[in-house]
Amino acid sequence: MDDRFKIPVEQLTEDEAKGELHRLATLIAEYDKAYFEFDAPIVDDATYDQVRLRHKAIEARFPSLVSPDSPSRRVGSKASTRFAKVRHLYPMLSLDNAFKQEDISEFLARTRRFLGLDAETVIPLIAEPKIDGVSCSLRYERGKLVKGATRGDGIEGEDVTENVKTIQDIPHSIPTSFDVLEIRGEVYLMHKAFQMLNQQREKEGEALFANPRNAAAGSLRQLDPGVTASRPLKFFAYSLGETPKSFGTHESVLNQLKKWGFPVSTLIESCSAINEIMTYHARLESLRADLGFDIDGTVYKINRLDWQERLGFVSRAPRWAIAHKFPAEQAQTTLRQISIQVGRTGVLTPVAHLDPVTVGGVVVSRATLHNEDELRRKDIRIGDTVMIQRAGDVIPQVVKVITLEGQARQAPFQFPLKCPVCDSIVERKEGEAARRCTGGLICQAQASLRLRHFVSREAFDIEGLGTKHIETFFNLGVIRNPVDIFTFEQRNKNSSHPLKMWEGWGEKSAENLFSAINQKRIISLDRFIYALGIYQIGQTSARLLARHYGSYEVWIQAMTAAARAGTGTGTIIATAEDASSLEDLVNIDGIGPGMAEDLLCFFREPHNLDLLAQLVGPQIKVSDFKSAISRSSPIAGRTVVFTGTLTTLTRAEAKARAESLGAKVSTSVSSKTDYVITGNDAGSKAAKARELGVTILGEKEWLALLGEA
């Protein structure tokens, strides 16, 4: 959200409030359109509620700024032009939201004030689960279903009559003497049905629904009723439109709906005191994970219909009801299994397999357990009831175990000692939380993911060779490593079943793919290093390495030498030159020992060296790193070290300036250092430079060398 929205409402001037209301109204309109018209929300419930609440608070402080078309006066969104419009007999309004006990207490206090009730008068409520589905209105004439409509903007909805007739929970006729009757409820999908629907869509290459609510909305709003009929939509009835005078309470309405054959939630209860209300809400939240369908809170309604009529409405919501929302970002569910996922860099990540539950508007059935230490710290075990949270609204994670009284627990999960994919040894370095497979490119889990990384936009950027095609070629054994990409065309020519004959391919598309591959046979050193997918070597570190070594030949020679020096096994005798290469690598500013070790792990694997030999030269060319700096710079290609406190510029500025002129900045002095630049209080680095005979320059001498004195 824009920083301007963070100004407390009480600190806004009237002009600021006016601009703020306009911005918030624009956001709400955008969110409503995505949610109600396209069944594709672009923010989670918590964010939407936050925007709505702020808009409401500003209007309350500046009532003169409330416009006739304010979002506070609107419900939902305009009906789609794809459907005929239906005008509701009685407006289908939204509900005001409560988020804490104080909000419920204030709702009851407002009711007392409005009705003029004393403190001793009991306010009877009906508490019911707030089903997270699609509001729907059903019109019956002399007991026959004649019209079904969505809520739309609350006044007009969309005609979905033929679609609602396919929902088995909805009776086509009811035994009633009323000439006209409007019944309202929620269309929804069970979790299992939602999973099956998305699995089918995935097989057919269609976009997946984000959650059951969107799936239900998309299914109800199909132009072809046959599509709706193929999806097992369900329905809960919760009220009448305009309630006939023969009913005295909301509870009696619900009982009549059941008699007419409509499904009504079995979780509905009567309550009045605040402790009863909060107990119901807490109990409903504890049952949430086991219901098999989504609810996002509790709805409290004044039971007496004469009081409802007196209370009436304010703008977009009734005064006689309120929705008590659950926290949108967390949910409870059961952890059924723990599996191990092997990532592109060989990291083994424990993954929780969960009973599906909606968290922040998205159905979650898997969540990361991060690593072995996290698993132990939280004592997470198979069969536990757990709290799920979406970190950054993206990656689901298990927050904690919820201990249920009397629940037996399984033994702690044991991390594998060998990779579950390639059976290679799994190692855990001292000081690290992660365990890693040592199989590298021979591990199929890593190989497939590394291939995707290899052809990604920031690496080789091969157009037409995206994730889907990489997976297909990998699974068929056509491309199993980077060399296979560049030999594919030749092998295809000799194949009895060439690519152009594959389903979904043709002569032109096959030619385009091979042309795209051939265009990428030359790549710069920094992109090549990044493409290898070595742990911790991202774009920035790849560029540091490319700048430091300049060419592939120099880099590969330095890496193999440093790897010999850093094996620590005693089986390889490293030379002084090898040790110097290792020291040079570790001293590159921005690399350091940890990153260097991960880099050298790659070069200690013989199969990785074999692959590089087959790839660079025979199939591709790695071009030298091209700096934008003129090679006429006096420090281009030189290695420099800064030590002590500089007076005319900061250390960061000095480093950036040196690199911009083509120098390699290192953190320690070695025989390969060209210049050591000393400031105040220069210490051991200056002493070592004198010992090694490295040129030492003061700050003024350094600037003179650069021509900047």
Foldseek 3Di string as FASTA:
>chain_A
DDPLLVPDLVPDDPVSLLVLQVVLQVVLQVQLCCCQVVLHGPFFPVVNLVSVVSNVVNCVVVVVSDDPPRVLQWARAAADPVFDKDFDPFFDFDFAADADLVVVVVLVVVLCVLVVHDPPDFQKKKKDFAALAWKKKFKDAQFATDFIFGNGGRGMTGTLSLQVVLAPLDDRGFPDRDRMWMWMWGKWAFPVLLVVVQVVCVVVVHDHNFFGRSVRSVLSPDPDSVSVNVRHIHIAIQAIRPDDPVDFWSVVRNVVCVVRRHHHDPLMDMDTDSVVVVVSFVVCQVCQQVPRGHTFFMKMFRTTVVSQVSQAPDNRHGSGMYTHGDPQFKGKWAFADWDWAQALQFWTWIKTATSWDHHSRGTDGIATCGFDVSCVVQVDAHGFIFMWGDVVVHGIHTDHTDDDPPDDTDDRDDDDQADPQPRAGWDDDPPDRTIGGLCNLVRQSNQLNLVQLLCDCLALVQPPCHSVNSVVCCVVVQDSHPLSLQCSVVVQVVDPQHPCNDPPHHPVSVVSRNVSSLVSQEAAQLRHVQSSVQPPNHSVNSLLLLLQQFAPVSSLVLLLLCLLVPVPPPPGDHDPVSVQSVVVQQFQVPQHDVNSVSSSSLVVDVVSVVVCVSRDPVGHDHHTDDAPADPVQLAANAEEEEFEAADPDGPVVVVVVSVNNHHTYTHADDLRHAEYEYDPPGDDRVVVCVVSVHHYHYPVRVCVSRVND
